[in-house]
Amino acid sequence: MIDKYLISNCLFVIEEFNERYRGKSKEELKRVADEEFSEADLVMRLGYPFRQMASFNMQGKAQDIVVKSLDFVIEVKFLRNWKSTSGNTTNKITWKELNKDFEWLWNEIKGGQKGKRAFIIGWFNAVKFSEIVQLGKGSGWVPDIDEDKIRHFPFLNSNGPKTKDIFYMYPEAYKELPVKIPGYAYGVGNCMFFGKETDLYHMAMYW
């Protein structure tokens, strides 16, 4: 049920950014992601169509958007790079932080809330996905792919063993894809990836 409400929201966000940032270079988009856009901006855009039914909480709890009348709870994450003091580009969000939201959703689904809980991530299409999400084993510039991590993203594939070999499966966009996590029921949740190669912004919804 919750996906039916959110699919159009995600599509509108992508089209807004395509229009707003048309003609921007990859470097300019990276600067926008680092300096001009925040997670709160994404939360408000996704929650706005619910109008007065929605309440917002961006205090670290898995309750960024709550629609009490429909018993909906939506967690949102905006992914971006940032510059460290040494000048090297590193990951803004750790895997531990991102995985916490995945586990929240899987446990909510396991507890009988399937169709009423969702987790949405969004990011500018300016760098490779493996540069904004830690998908490798350990540290290093080009680590081996961690299969336990990448299984959370059924819209990704690779043509080699390293994180640099990961690519988007654009033909799978806008399709309902199962997410299979060890320790949970087969196909515990579903995922939908939003984006074309020409889109300036990408999103993924889990429910």
N, C-alpha and C. Protein backbone atom coordinates (compact mmCIF):
# COMPACT_ATOMS: atom_id res chain seq x y z
N MET A 1 0.82 -1.21 0.00
CA MET A 1 0.00 0.00 0.00
C MET A 1 0.86 1.27 0.00
N ILE A 2 1.88 1.33 0.89
CA ILE A 2 2.66 2.56 1.02
C ILE A 2 3.38 2.92 -0.27
N ASP A 3 3.79 1.91 -1.03
CA ASP A 3 4.51 2.17 -2.28
C ASP A 3 3.65 2.91 -3.28
N LYS A 4 2.35 2.66 -3.28
CA LYS A 4 1.46 3.32 -4.23
C LYS A 4 1.43 4.82 -4.00
N TYR A 5 1.55 5.23 -2.76
CA TYR A 5 1.57 6.65 -2.43
C TYR A 5 2.91 7.30 -2.77
N LEU A 6 4.01 6.57 -2.63
CA LEU A 6 5.34 7.15 -2.71
C LEU A 6 5.97 7.13 -4.10
N ILE A 7 5.51 6.25 -4.97
CA ILE A 7 6.13 6.17 -6.30
C ILE A 7 6.05 7.52 -7.03
N SER A 8 4.89 8.13 -7.04
CA SER A 8 4.76 9.42 -7.73
C SER A 8 5.60 10.50 -7.06
N ASN A 9 5.69 10.46 -5.72
CA ASN A 9 6.51 11.43 -5.00
C ASN A 9 7.96 11.36 -5.49
N CYS A 10 8.49 10.13 -5.60
CA CYS A 10 9.88 9.95 -6.04
C CYS A 10 10.07 10.44 -7.47
N LEU A 11 9.12 10.14 -8.34
CA LEU A 11 9.22 10.57 -9.73
C LEU A 11 9.20 12.09 -9.86
N PHE A 12 8.38 12.76 -9.04
CA PHE A 12 8.32 14.21 -9.08
C PHE A 12 9.64 14.83 -8.62
N VAL A 13 10.26 14.25 -7.60
CA VAL A 13 11.55 14.77 -7.12
C VAL A 13 12.59 14.70 -8.23
N ILE A 14 12.67 13.57 -8.92
CA ILE A 14 13.66 13.42 -9.99
C ILE A 14 13.40 14.41 -11.11
N GLU A 15 12.15 14.57 -11.51
CA GLU A 15 11.84 15.50 -12.59
C GLU A 15 12.13 16.94 -12.18
N GLU A 16 11.88 17.27 -10.92
CA GLU A 16 12.20 18.62 -10.44
C GLU A 16 13.68 18.91 -10.60
N PHE A 17 14.53 17.95 -10.20
CA PHE A 17 15.97 18.17 -10.27
C PHE A 17 16.49 18.14 -11.71
N ASN A 18 15.87 17.33 -12.57
CA ASN A 18 16.24 17.36 -13.97
C ASN A 18 16.02 18.75 -14.56
N GLU A 19 14.91 19.36 -14.18
CA GLU A 19 14.60 20.70 -14.68
C GLU A 19 15.48 21.76 -14.02
N ARG A 20 15.66 21.64 -12.72
CA ARG A 20 16.38 22.67 -11.96
C ARG A 20 17.87 22.71 -12.29
N TYR A 21 18.46 21.54 -12.51
CA TYR A 21 19.91 21.48 -12.71
C TYR A 21 20.30 21.07 -14.12
N ARG A 22 19.41 21.26 -15.04
CA ARG A 22 19.70 20.93 -16.44
C ARG A 22 20.94 21.69 -16.92
N GLY A 23 21.86 20.99 -17.57
CA GLY A 23 23.06 21.64 -18.09
C GLY A 23 24.23 21.70 -17.13
N LYS A 24 24.01 21.27 -15.88
CA LYS A 24 25.09 21.28 -14.90
C LYS A 24 26.08 20.14 -15.19
N SER A 25 27.35 20.40 -14.97
CA SER A 25 28.36 19.36 -15.13
C SER A 25 28.36 18.45 -13.90
N LYS A 26 29.07 17.33 -13.99
CA LYS A 26 29.19 16.41 -12.86
C LYS A 26 29.81 17.12 -11.66
N GLU A 27 30.82 17.93 -11.91
CA GLU A 27 31.48 18.66 -10.81
C GLU A 27 30.53 19.64 -10.15
N GLU A 28 29.71 20.32 -10.95
CA GLU A 28 28.73 21.25 -10.39
C GLU A 28 27.68 20.51 -9.57
N LEU A 29 27.25 19.34 -10.05
CA LEU A 29 26.28 18.55 -9.30
C LEU A 29 26.88 18.07 -7.97
N LYS A 30 28.15 17.69 -7.98
CA LYS A 30 28.81 17.29 -6.74
C LYS A 30 28.83 18.44 -5.75
N ARG A 31 29.07 19.65 -6.24
CA ARG A 31 29.08 20.81 -5.35
C ARG A 31 27.69 21.07 -4.78
N VAL A 32 26.66 20.93 -5.62
CA VAL A 32 25.28 21.10 -5.14
C VAL A 32 24.99 20.08 -4.03
N ALA A 33 25.38 18.82 -4.27
CA ALA A 33 25.12 17.76 -3.28
C ALA A 33 25.86 18.06 -1.97
N ASP A 34 27.08 18.58 -2.07
CA ASP A 34 27.89 18.83 -0.87
C ASP A 34 27.47 20.07 -0.11
N GLU A 35 27.00 21.10 -0.84
CA GLU A 35 26.85 22.42 -0.22
C GLU A 35 25.43 22.98 -0.22
N GLU A 36 24.58 22.55 -1.14
CA GLU A 36 23.29 23.24 -1.30
C GLU A 36 22.08 22.39 -0.94
N PHE A 37 22.25 21.09 -0.77
CA PHE A 37 21.11 20.22 -0.56
C PHE A 37 21.32 19.39 0.69
N SER A 38 20.27 19.19 1.46
CA SER A 38 20.38 18.43 2.71
C SER A 38 19.32 17.35 2.77
N GLU A 39 19.45 16.48 3.74
CA GLU A 39 18.46 15.41 3.93
C GLU A 39 17.09 15.99 4.24
N ALA A 40 17.06 17.09 4.99
CA ALA A 40 15.79 17.73 5.32
C ALA A 40 15.05 18.19 4.06
N ASP A 41 15.81 18.65 3.03
CA ASP A 41 15.19 19.05 1.78
C ASP A 41 14.47 17.88 1.12
N LEU A 42 15.10 16.71 1.17
CA LEU A 42 14.49 15.52 0.57
C LEU A 42 13.28 15.07 1.37
N VAL A 43 13.37 15.11 2.69
CA VAL A 43 12.26 14.73 3.55
C VAL A 43 11.03 15.59 3.24
N MET A 44 11.23 16.89 3.14
CA MET A 44 10.09 17.79 2.91
C MET A 44 9.47 17.55 1.54
N ARG A 45 10.28 17.27 0.53
CA ARG A 45 9.74 17.02 -0.80
C ARG A 45 8.91 15.73 -0.84
N LEU A 46 9.41 14.70 -0.17
CA LEU A 46 8.69 13.43 -0.16
C LEU A 46 7.41 13.48 0.68
N GLY A 47 7.43 14.29 1.72
CA GLY A 47 6.27 14.37 2.61
C GLY A 47 5.23 15.39 2.19
N TYR A 48 5.62 16.36 1.35
CA TYR A 48 4.71 17.44 0.99
C TYR A 48 3.39 16.96 0.40
N PRO A 49 3.36 15.96 -0.51
CA PRO A 49 2.08 15.54 -1.08
C PRO A 49 1.07 15.04 -0.06
N PHE A 50 1.54 14.64 1.14
CA PHE A 50 0.60 14.20 2.18
C PHE A 50 -0.08 15.38 2.89
N ARG A 51 0.41 16.58 2.59
CA ARG A 51 -0.14 17.82 3.15
C ARG A 51 -0.22 17.76 4.69
N GLN A 52 -1.37 18.18 5.23
CA GLN A 52 -1.51 18.28 6.69
C GLN A 52 -1.54 16.93 7.39
N MET A 53 -1.65 15.85 6.64
CA MET A 53 -1.67 14.53 7.28
C MET A 53 -0.30 14.12 7.81
N ALA A 54 0.77 14.74 7.28
CA ALA A 54 2.13 14.31 7.63
C ALA A 54 2.73 15.16 8.75
N SER A 55 3.52 14.49 9.58
CA SER A 55 4.36 15.18 10.56
C SER A 55 5.79 14.75 10.31
N PHE A 56 6.74 15.61 10.70
CA PHE A 56 8.14 15.39 10.37
C PHE A 56 8.99 15.36 11.63
N ASN A 57 9.93 14.44 11.64
CA ASN A 57 10.85 14.32 12.78
C ASN A 57 12.22 13.97 12.23
N MET A 58 13.16 14.93 12.30
CA MET A 58 14.50 14.70 11.77
C MET A 58 15.52 14.75 12.90
N GLN A 59 15.21 14.03 13.98
CA GLN A 59 16.05 14.02 15.17
C GLN A 59 16.80 12.71 15.34
N GLY A 60 17.03 11.98 14.26
CA GLY A 60 17.80 10.75 14.35
C GLY A 60 16.98 9.49 14.52
N LYS A 61 15.67 9.63 14.72
CA LYS A 61 14.80 8.47 14.84
C LYS A 61 14.34 8.02 13.46
N ALA A 62 13.92 6.77 13.35
CA ALA A 62 13.44 6.24 12.07
C ALA A 62 12.00 6.67 11.85
N GLN A 63 11.76 7.96 11.95
CA GLN A 63 10.41 8.49 11.81
C GLN A 63 10.45 9.83 11.11
N ASP A 64 11.18 9.91 9.99
CA ASP A 64 11.32 11.19 9.30
C ASP A 64 9.97 11.73 8.85
N ILE A 65 9.11 10.84 8.35
CA ILE A 65 7.76 11.22 7.92
C ILE A 65 6.78 10.25 8.55
N VAL A 66 5.80 10.79 9.26
CA VAL A 66 4.77 9.97 9.89
C VAL A 66 3.41 10.45 9.41
N VAL A 67 2.63 9.52 8.89
CA VAL A 67 1.26 9.83 8.46
C VAL A 67 0.34 8.96 9.33
N LYS A 68 -0.09 9.52 10.43
CA LYS A 68 -0.83 8.74 11.43
C LYS A 68 -2.13 8.16 10.89
N SER A 69 -2.83 8.93 10.08
CA SER A 69 -4.14 8.46 9.61
C SER A 69 -4.02 7.21 8.75
N LEU A 70 -2.87 7.01 8.11
CA LEU A 70 -2.64 5.82 7.28
C LEU A 70 -1.71 4.82 7.95
N ASP A 71 -1.23 5.16 9.14
CA ASP A 71 -0.27 4.33 9.87
C ASP A 71 1.00 4.12 9.05
N PHE A 72 1.46 5.18 8.37
CA PHE A 72 2.69 5.13 7.58
C PHE A 72 3.85 5.74 8.38
N VAL A 73 5.01 5.09 8.30
CA VAL A 73 6.24 5.66 8.83
C VAL A 73 7.30 5.51 7.74
N ILE A 74 7.99 6.62 7.43
CA ILE A 74 8.95 6.63 6.33
C ILE A 74 10.28 7.18 6.83
N GLU A 75 11.34 6.43 6.64
CA GLU A 75 12.69 6.89 6.94
C GLU A 75 13.35 7.32 5.63
N VAL A 76 14.14 8.39 5.69
CA VAL A 76 14.76 8.97 4.49
C VAL A 76 16.25 9.17 4.72
N LYS A 77 17.05 8.88 3.70
CA LYS A 77 18.48 9.15 3.75
C LYS A 77 18.90 9.81 2.44
N PHE A 78 19.67 10.90 2.58
CA PHE A 78 20.28 11.57 1.43
C PHE A 78 21.76 11.22 1.44
N LEU A 79 22.26 10.70 0.33
CA LEU A 79 23.65 10.26 0.22
C LEU A 79 24.47 11.31 -0.51
N ARG A 80 25.63 11.64 0.04
CA ARG A 80 26.50 12.60 -0.63
C ARG A 80 27.95 12.39 -0.22
N ASN A 81 28.85 12.96 -0.99
CA ASN A 81 30.26 12.97 -0.64
C ASN A 81 30.55 14.21 0.18
N TRP A 82 31.70 14.21 0.82
CA TRP A 82 32.15 15.41 1.50
C TRP A 82 33.66 15.42 1.49
N LYS A 83 34.25 16.60 1.65
CA LYS A 83 35.69 16.74 1.64
C LYS A 83 36.23 16.68 3.07
N SER A 84 37.18 15.81 3.31
CA SER A 84 37.81 15.74 4.61
C SER A 84 38.84 16.86 4.74
N THR A 85 39.41 17.03 5.91
CA THR A 85 40.38 18.09 6.13
C THR A 85 41.63 17.89 5.28
N SER A 86 41.90 16.66 4.88
CA SER A 86 43.06 16.38 4.05
C SER A 86 42.78 16.64 2.57
N GLY A 87 41.50 16.92 2.27
CA GLY A 87 41.15 17.20 0.89
C GLY A 87 40.72 15.99 0.10
N ASN A 88 40.73 14.83 0.72
CA ASN A 88 40.32 13.61 0.02
C ASN A 88 38.81 13.45 0.11
N THR A 89 38.19 12.97 -0.96
CA THR A 89 36.76 12.70 -0.95
C THR A 89 36.52 11.39 -0.22
N THR A 90 35.63 11.40 0.74
CA THR A 90 35.36 10.20 1.52
C THR A 90 33.85 10.04 1.67
N ASN A 91 33.42 9.00 2.33
CA ASN A 91 31.99 8.75 2.45
C ASN A 91 31.39 9.53 3.60
N LYS A 92 30.30 10.22 3.34
CA LYS A 92 29.61 10.98 4.38
C LYS A 92 28.89 10.04 5.34
N ILE A 93 28.29 8.99 4.82
CA ILE A 93 27.50 8.08 5.65
C ILE A 93 28.24 6.75 5.78
N THR A 94 28.30 6.22 6.97
CA THR A 94 28.95 4.93 7.18
C THR A 94 27.96 3.81 6.89
N TRP A 95 28.50 2.62 6.61
CA TRP A 95 27.63 1.48 6.37
C TRP A 95 26.80 1.17 7.62
N LYS A 96 27.41 1.32 8.79
CA LYS A 96 26.71 1.04 10.04
C LYS A 96 25.46 1.91 10.16
N GLU A 97 25.58 3.17 9.80
CA GLU A 97 24.45 4.09 9.90
C GLU A 97 23.37 3.73 8.89
N LEU A 98 23.77 3.41 7.67
CA LEU A 98 22.79 3.05 6.65
C LEU A 98 22.12 1.72 6.97
N ASN A 99 22.91 0.76 7.43
CA ASN A 99 22.38 -0.57 7.74
C ASN A 99 21.38 -0.52 8.89
N LYS A 100 21.55 0.43 9.79
CA LYS A 100 20.62 0.59 10.91
C LYS A 100 19.20 0.85 10.39
N ASP A 101 19.09 1.63 9.32
CA ASP A 101 17.78 1.92 8.75
C ASP A 101 17.21 0.71 8.01
N PHE A 102 18.09 -0.04 7.34
CA PHE A 102 17.63 -1.27 6.70
C PHE A 102 17.09 -2.23 7.75
N GLU A 103 17.82 -2.42 8.84
CA GLU A 103 17.39 -3.35 9.88
C GLU A 103 16.09 -2.90 10.53
N TRP A 104 15.95 -1.58 10.69
CA TRP A 104 14.68 -1.06 11.21
C TRP A 104 13.53 -1.49 10.32
N LEU A 105 13.69 -1.33 9.00
CA LEU A 105 12.61 -1.68 8.07
C LEU A 105 12.35 -3.18 8.08
N TRP A 106 13.42 -4.00 8.00
CA TRP A 106 13.21 -5.46 7.98
C TRP A 106 12.49 -5.93 9.25
N ASN A 107 12.85 -5.36 10.39
CA ASN A 107 12.20 -5.76 11.65
C ASN A 107 10.75 -5.29 11.71
N GLU A 108 10.46 -4.11 11.15
CA GLU A 108 9.08 -3.63 11.09
C GLU A 108 8.24 -4.56 10.20
N ILE A 109 8.81 -4.97 9.07
CA ILE A 109 8.09 -5.88 8.17
C ILE A 109 7.87 -7.22 8.86
N LYS A 110 8.91 -7.71 9.51
CA LYS A 110 8.81 -8.99 10.22
C LYS A 110 7.75 -8.91 11.32
N GLY A 111 7.57 -7.73 11.90
CA GLY A 111 6.59 -7.53 12.97
C GLY A 111 5.18 -7.28 12.49
N GLY A 112 4.94 -7.41 11.18
CA GLY A 112 3.59 -7.29 10.66
C GLY A 112 3.24 -5.94 10.04
N GLN A 113 4.25 -5.07 9.81
CA GLN A 113 3.98 -3.73 9.28
C GLN A 113 4.26 -3.61 7.78
N LYS A 114 4.35 -4.72 7.09
CA LYS A 114 4.60 -4.67 5.64
C LYS A 114 3.50 -3.87 4.95
N GLY A 115 3.89 -2.97 4.09
CA GLY A 115 2.93 -2.12 3.39
C GLY A 115 2.66 -0.82 4.11
N LYS A 116 3.22 -0.67 5.33
CA LYS A 116 3.00 0.55 6.11
C LYS A 116 4.31 1.26 6.48
N ARG A 117 5.45 0.65 6.15
CA ARG A 117 6.75 1.23 6.47
C ARG A 117 7.58 1.30 5.19
N ALA A 118 8.40 2.34 5.08
CA ALA A 118 9.25 2.48 3.90
C ALA A 118 10.55 3.18 4.27
N PHE A 119 11.58 2.89 3.49
CA PHE A 119 12.89 3.52 3.62
C PHE A 119 13.28 4.00 2.22
N ILE A 120 13.57 5.31 2.11
CA ILE A 120 13.89 5.89 0.81
C ILE A 120 15.26 6.53 0.87
N ILE A 121 16.11 6.25 -0.12
CA ILE A 121 17.40 6.91 -0.23
C ILE A 121 17.45 7.68 -1.54
N GLY A 122 18.13 8.81 -1.54
CA GLY A 122 18.27 9.63 -2.74
C GLY A 122 19.67 10.17 -2.87
N TRP A 123 20.13 10.37 -4.11
CA TRP A 123 21.48 10.87 -4.33
C TRP A 123 21.58 11.48 -5.73
N PHE A 124 22.47 12.45 -5.86
CA PHE A 124 22.72 13.06 -7.16
C PHE A 124 23.56 12.11 -8.01
N ASN A 125 23.21 12.01 -9.27
CA ASN A 125 23.91 11.13 -10.20
C ASN A 125 25.17 11.82 -10.72
N ALA A 126 26.12 12.05 -9.79
CA ALA A 126 27.33 12.78 -10.12
C ALA A 126 28.59 11.93 -9.97
N VAL A 127 28.51 10.89 -9.16
CA VAL A 127 29.64 9.98 -8.95
C VAL A 127 29.10 8.55 -8.94
N LYS A 128 30.00 7.57 -8.99
CA LYS A 128 29.57 6.18 -8.92
C LYS A 128 28.94 5.89 -7.56
N PHE A 129 27.97 4.99 -7.55
CA PHE A 129 27.28 4.65 -6.31
C PHE A 129 28.26 4.11 -5.26
N SER A 130 29.28 3.39 -5.71
CA SER A 130 30.26 2.82 -4.78
C SER A 130 31.14 3.90 -4.15
N GLU A 131 31.07 5.14 -4.65
CA GLU A 131 31.83 6.24 -4.06
C GLU A 131 31.06 6.95 -2.96
N ILE A 132 29.76 6.69 -2.86
CA ILE A 132 28.97 7.34 -1.81
C ILE A 132 28.40 6.36 -0.80
N VAL A 133 28.48 5.06 -1.10
CA VAL A 133 28.06 4.02 -0.16
C VAL A 133 29.21 3.03 -0.01
N GLN A 134 29.52 2.68 1.23
CA GLN A 134 30.63 1.77 1.50
C GLN A 134 30.21 0.33 1.19
N LEU A 135 30.57 -0.14 0.02
CA LEU A 135 30.16 -1.46 -0.42
C LEU A 135 31.31 -2.47 -0.43
N GLY A 136 32.47 -2.06 0.10
CA GLY A 136 33.64 -2.93 0.07
C GLY A 136 33.92 -3.62 1.39
N LYS A 137 34.82 -4.57 1.33
CA LYS A 137 35.32 -5.25 2.53
C LYS A 137 36.49 -4.44 3.08
N GLY A 138 36.34 -3.91 4.27
CA GLY A 138 37.41 -3.12 4.86
C GLY A 138 37.59 -1.79 4.17
N SER A 139 38.76 -1.19 4.38
CA SER A 139 39.05 0.13 3.83
C SER A 139 39.95 -0.01 2.60
N GLY A 140 40.42 1.11 2.11
CA GLY A 140 41.25 1.11 0.92
C GLY A 140 40.56 1.82 -0.22
N TRP A 141 41.34 2.19 -1.24
CA TRP A 141 40.78 2.93 -2.35
C TRP A 141 39.85 2.08 -3.21
N VAL A 142 40.25 0.85 -3.46
CA VAL A 142 39.44 -0.02 -4.32
C VAL A 142 39.32 -1.40 -3.66
N PRO A 143 38.46 -1.52 -2.64
CA PRO A 143 38.33 -2.80 -1.93
C PRO A 143 37.51 -3.81 -2.72
N ASP A 144 37.57 -5.06 -2.27
CA ASP A 144 36.72 -6.10 -2.84
C ASP A 144 35.27 -5.84 -2.44
N ILE A 145 34.36 -6.24 -3.29
CA ILE A 145 32.93 -6.07 -3.01
C ILE A 145 32.52 -6.96 -1.84
N ASP A 146 31.77 -6.39 -0.91
CA ASP A 146 31.21 -7.14 0.20
C ASP A 146 29.81 -7.60 -0.21
N GLU A 147 29.65 -8.90 -0.41
CA GLU A 147 28.38 -9.43 -0.90
C GLU A 147 27.23 -9.19 0.08
N ASP A 148 27.52 -9.19 1.38
CA ASP A 148 26.48 -8.95 2.37
C ASP A 148 25.92 -7.53 2.25
N LYS A 149 26.75 -6.59 1.82
CA LYS A 149 26.30 -5.21 1.66
C LYS A 149 25.56 -5.02 0.34
N ILE A 150 26.15 -5.51 -0.74
CA ILE A 150 25.57 -5.21 -2.06
C ILE A 150 24.23 -5.91 -2.28
N ARG A 151 23.94 -6.97 -1.52
CA ARG A 151 22.66 -7.64 -1.69
C ARG A 151 21.48 -6.73 -1.29
N HIS A 152 21.76 -5.64 -0.57
CA HIS A 152 20.72 -4.69 -0.21
C HIS A 152 20.29 -3.84 -1.42
N PHE A 153 21.04 -3.91 -2.51
CA PHE A 153 20.79 -3.05 -3.66
C PHE A 153 20.61 -3.91 -4.91
N PRO A 154 19.44 -4.48 -5.11
CA PRO A 154 19.21 -5.41 -6.23
C PRO A 154 19.26 -4.74 -7.60
N PHE A 155 19.40 -3.42 -7.64
CA PHE A 155 19.52 -2.70 -8.91
C PHE A 155 20.98 -2.51 -9.32
N LEU A 156 21.90 -3.09 -8.54
CA LEU A 156 23.33 -3.01 -8.86
C LEU A 156 23.84 -4.35 -9.36
N ASN A 157 24.88 -4.29 -10.17
CA ASN A 157 25.58 -5.50 -10.62
C ASN A 157 27.05 -5.13 -10.76
N SER A 158 27.89 -6.10 -11.07
CA SER A 158 29.32 -5.81 -11.24
C SER A 158 29.88 -6.69 -12.34
N ASN A 159 30.94 -6.21 -12.96
CA ASN A 159 31.64 -7.00 -13.98
C ASN A 159 33.05 -7.33 -13.52
N GLY A 160 33.23 -7.35 -12.20
CA GLY A 160 34.52 -7.68 -11.60
C GLY A 160 34.38 -7.77 -10.10
N PRO A 161 35.46 -8.10 -9.37
CA PRO A 161 35.38 -8.31 -7.92
C PRO A 161 35.52 -7.05 -7.08
N LYS A 162 35.87 -5.91 -7.69
CA LYS A 162 36.16 -4.69 -6.95
C LYS A 162 34.96 -3.73 -6.98
N THR A 163 34.92 -2.85 -5.97
CA THR A 163 33.82 -1.89 -5.92
C THR A 163 33.79 -0.98 -7.16
N LYS A 164 34.94 -0.74 -7.77
CA LYS A 164 34.97 0.10 -8.97
C LYS A 164 34.25 -0.57 -10.15
N ASP A 165 34.00 -1.88 -10.03
CA ASP A 165 33.35 -2.64 -11.10
C ASP A 165 31.83 -2.64 -11.01
N ILE A 166 31.27 -1.97 -10.00
CA ILE A 166 29.83 -1.95 -9.79
C ILE A 166 29.16 -0.97 -10.74
N PHE A 167 28.00 -1.35 -11.27
CA PHE A 167 27.26 -0.47 -12.16
C PHE A 167 25.76 -0.62 -11.93
N TYR A 168 24.99 0.38 -12.36
CA TYR A 168 23.53 0.35 -12.26
C TYR A 168 22.95 -0.55 -13.34
N MET A 169 21.95 -1.31 -12.99
CA MET A 169 21.18 -2.08 -13.97
C MET A 169 19.95 -1.24 -14.35
N TYR A 170 20.15 -0.30 -15.23
CA TYR A 170 19.06 0.62 -15.59
C TYR A 170 17.83 -0.09 -16.16
N PRO A 171 17.98 -1.23 -16.87
CA PRO A 171 16.78 -1.92 -17.34
C PRO A 171 15.87 -2.41 -16.21
N GLU A 172 16.40 -2.49 -14.98
CA GLU A 172 15.60 -2.94 -13.84
C GLU A 172 14.91 -1.79 -13.12
N ALA A 173 15.13 -0.56 -13.57
CA ALA A 173 14.50 0.60 -12.93
C ALA A 173 12.99 0.52 -13.05
N TYR A 174 12.31 1.02 -12.04
CA TYR A 174 10.85 1.11 -11.97
C TYR A 174 10.17 -0.26 -11.86
N LYS A 175 10.95 -1.29 -11.53
CA LYS A 175 10.40 -2.62 -11.33
C LYS A 175 10.44 -2.97 -9.84
N GLU A 176 9.51 -3.79 -9.39
CA GLU A 176 9.49 -4.26 -8.00
C GLU A 176 10.48 -5.41 -7.88
N LEU A 177 11.56 -5.17 -7.13
CA LEU A 177 12.63 -6.16 -7.00
C LEU A 177 12.67 -6.71 -5.58
N PRO A 178 12.78 -8.02 -5.39
CA PRO A 178 12.87 -8.59 -4.04
C PRO A 178 14.24 -8.34 -3.42
N VAL A 179 14.24 -8.15 -2.11
CA VAL A 179 15.49 -8.01 -1.35
C VAL A 179 15.61 -9.23 -0.45
N LYS A 180 16.71 -9.95 -0.58
CA LYS A 180 16.90 -11.20 0.16
C LYS A 180 18.03 -11.02 1.16
N ILE A 181 17.69 -11.04 2.44
CA ILE A 181 18.66 -10.81 3.51
C ILE A 181 18.76 -12.04 4.39
N PRO A 182 19.96 -12.60 4.59
CA PRO A 182 20.11 -13.76 5.48
C PRO A 182 19.60 -13.44 6.88
N GLY A 183 18.90 -14.40 7.48
CA GLY A 183 18.36 -14.20 8.82
C GLY A 183 16.93 -13.71 8.82
N TYR A 184 16.45 -13.32 7.64
CA TYR A 184 15.06 -12.88 7.51
C TYR A 184 14.36 -13.80 6.50
N ALA A 185 13.07 -13.71 6.45
CA ALA A 185 12.32 -14.55 5.52
C ALA A 185 12.74 -14.23 4.09
N TYR A 186 12.66 -15.21 3.22
CA TYR A 186 13.01 -15.03 1.82
C TYR A 186 12.19 -13.89 1.23
N GLY A 187 12.90 -12.97 0.56
CA GLY A 187 12.20 -11.83 -0.01
C GLY A 187 11.56 -10.96 1.06
N VAL A 188 12.34 -10.67 2.14
CA VAL A 188 11.78 -9.94 3.28
C VAL A 188 11.16 -8.61 2.86
N GLY A 189 11.77 -7.94 1.92
CA GLY A 189 11.25 -6.65 1.49
C GLY A 189 11.33 -6.49 -0.01
N ASN A 190 10.82 -5.37 -0.49
CA ASN A 190 10.88 -5.06 -1.91
C ASN A 190 11.63 -3.76 -2.12
N CYS A 191 12.18 -3.61 -3.31
CA CYS A 191 12.92 -2.40 -3.66
C CYS A 191 12.49 -1.94 -5.03
N MET A 192 12.47 -0.62 -5.23
CA MET A 192 12.26 -0.06 -6.55
C MET A 192 13.29 1.05 -6.76
N PHE A 193 14.04 0.94 -7.84
CA PHE A 193 15.05 1.93 -8.21
C PHE A 193 14.45 2.90 -9.20
N PHE A 194 14.66 4.20 -8.96
CA PHE A 194 14.14 5.24 -9.84
C PHE A 194 15.31 5.98 -10.49
N GLY A 195 15.37 5.92 -11.80
CA GLY A 195 16.41 6.67 -12.48
C GLY A 195 16.76 6.11 -13.84
N LYS A 196 17.06 7.02 -14.75
CA LYS A 196 17.63 6.68 -16.04
C LYS A 196 19.05 7.24 -16.07
N GLU A 197 19.85 6.76 -16.99
CA GLU A 197 21.24 7.22 -17.05
C GLU A 197 21.32 8.73 -17.23
N THR A 198 20.34 9.31 -17.88
CA THR A 198 20.34 10.75 -18.14
C THR A 198 19.78 11.57 -16.98
N ASP A 199 19.16 10.92 -16.01
CA ASP A 199 18.60 11.65 -14.87
C ASP A 199 19.71 12.19 -13.97
N LEU A 200 19.49 13.38 -13.44
CA LEU A 200 20.49 14.01 -12.58
C LEU A 200 20.36 13.58 -11.13
N TYR A 201 19.29 12.88 -10.82
CA TYR A 201 19.06 12.43 -9.44
C TYR A 201 18.51 11.02 -9.50
N HIS A 202 18.93 10.19 -8.57
CA HIS A 202 18.46 8.81 -8.48
C HIS A 202 17.86 8.57 -7.10
N MET A 203 16.96 7.60 -7.02
CA MET A 203 16.35 7.24 -5.74
C MET A 203 16.10 5.75 -5.69
N ALA A 204 15.97 5.22 -4.48
CA ALA A 204 15.57 3.83 -4.28
C ALA A 204 14.63 3.78 -3.11
N MET A 205 13.55 3.05 -3.28
CA MET A 205 12.54 2.91 -2.23
C MET A 205 12.47 1.46 -1.79
N TYR A 206 12.44 1.25 -0.48
CA TYR A 206 12.31 -0.08 0.10
C TYR A 206 11.03 -0.11 0.95
N TRP A 207 10.30 -1.22 0.86
CA TRP A 207 9.08 -1.35 1.65
C TRP A 207 8.75 -2.81 1.91
